[in-house]
Protein backbone atom coordinates (compact mmCIF):
# COMPACT_ATOMS: atom_id res chain seq x y z
CA MET A 1 0.38 -0.16 0.04
CA ASN A 2 2.96 2.28 0.95
CA ASN A 3 4.35 1.75 -2.43
CA LEU A 4 1.16 2.44 -4.35
CA GLU A 5 0.68 5.96 -2.77
CA GLY A 6 4.24 6.48 -3.46
CA VAL A 7 3.85 5.96 -7.26
CA SER A 8 0.51 7.68 -7.44
CA PHE A 9 1.94 10.82 -5.32
CA LEU A 10 4.94 11.19 -7.77
CA PRO A 11 2.79 12.31 -10.90
CA THR A 12 0.77 14.58 -8.85
CA SER A 13 3.87 16.61 -7.29
CA THR A 14 5.33 16.40 -11.09
CA PHE A 15 2.12 17.90 -12.84
CA MET A 16 1.92 20.68 -9.89
CA ILE A 17 5.76 21.62 -10.48
CA PHE A 18 4.65 21.68 -14.35
CA GLU A 19 1.50 23.72 -13.64
CA ARG A 20 3.40 26.18 -11.58
CA SER A 21 6.39 26.54 -14.10
CA LEU A 22 3.62 27.27 -16.81
CA VAL A 23 1.86 29.79 -14.61
CA ALA A 24 5.38 31.52 -13.99
CA LEU A 25 5.95 31.75 -17.84
CA ALA A 26 2.55 33.05 -18.56
CA VAL A 27 2.84 36.02 -15.79
CA ILE A 28 6.55 36.57 -17.29
CA HIS A 29 4.89 36.77 -20.61
CA GLU A 30 2.24 39.19 -19.64
CA GLN A 31 4.67 41.50 -17.91
CA HIS A 32 6.75 41.60 -20.89
CA ARG A 33 4.11 42.45 -23.15
CA SER A 34 2.92 45.20 -20.62
CA ASN A 35 6.39 46.57 -20.53
CA ARG A 36 6.68 46.84 -24.25
CA ASN A 37 3.52 48.72 -24.09
CA TRP A 38 4.62 51.26 -22.06
């Protein structure tokens, strides 16, 4: 049971990290666009 939980937990954390990096990229992109408009 412990091994199963570890295996199911790994993809979740990886997806969370991927999602966070994606959000960070979007924020940086938006800042870049607004900076260019100014």
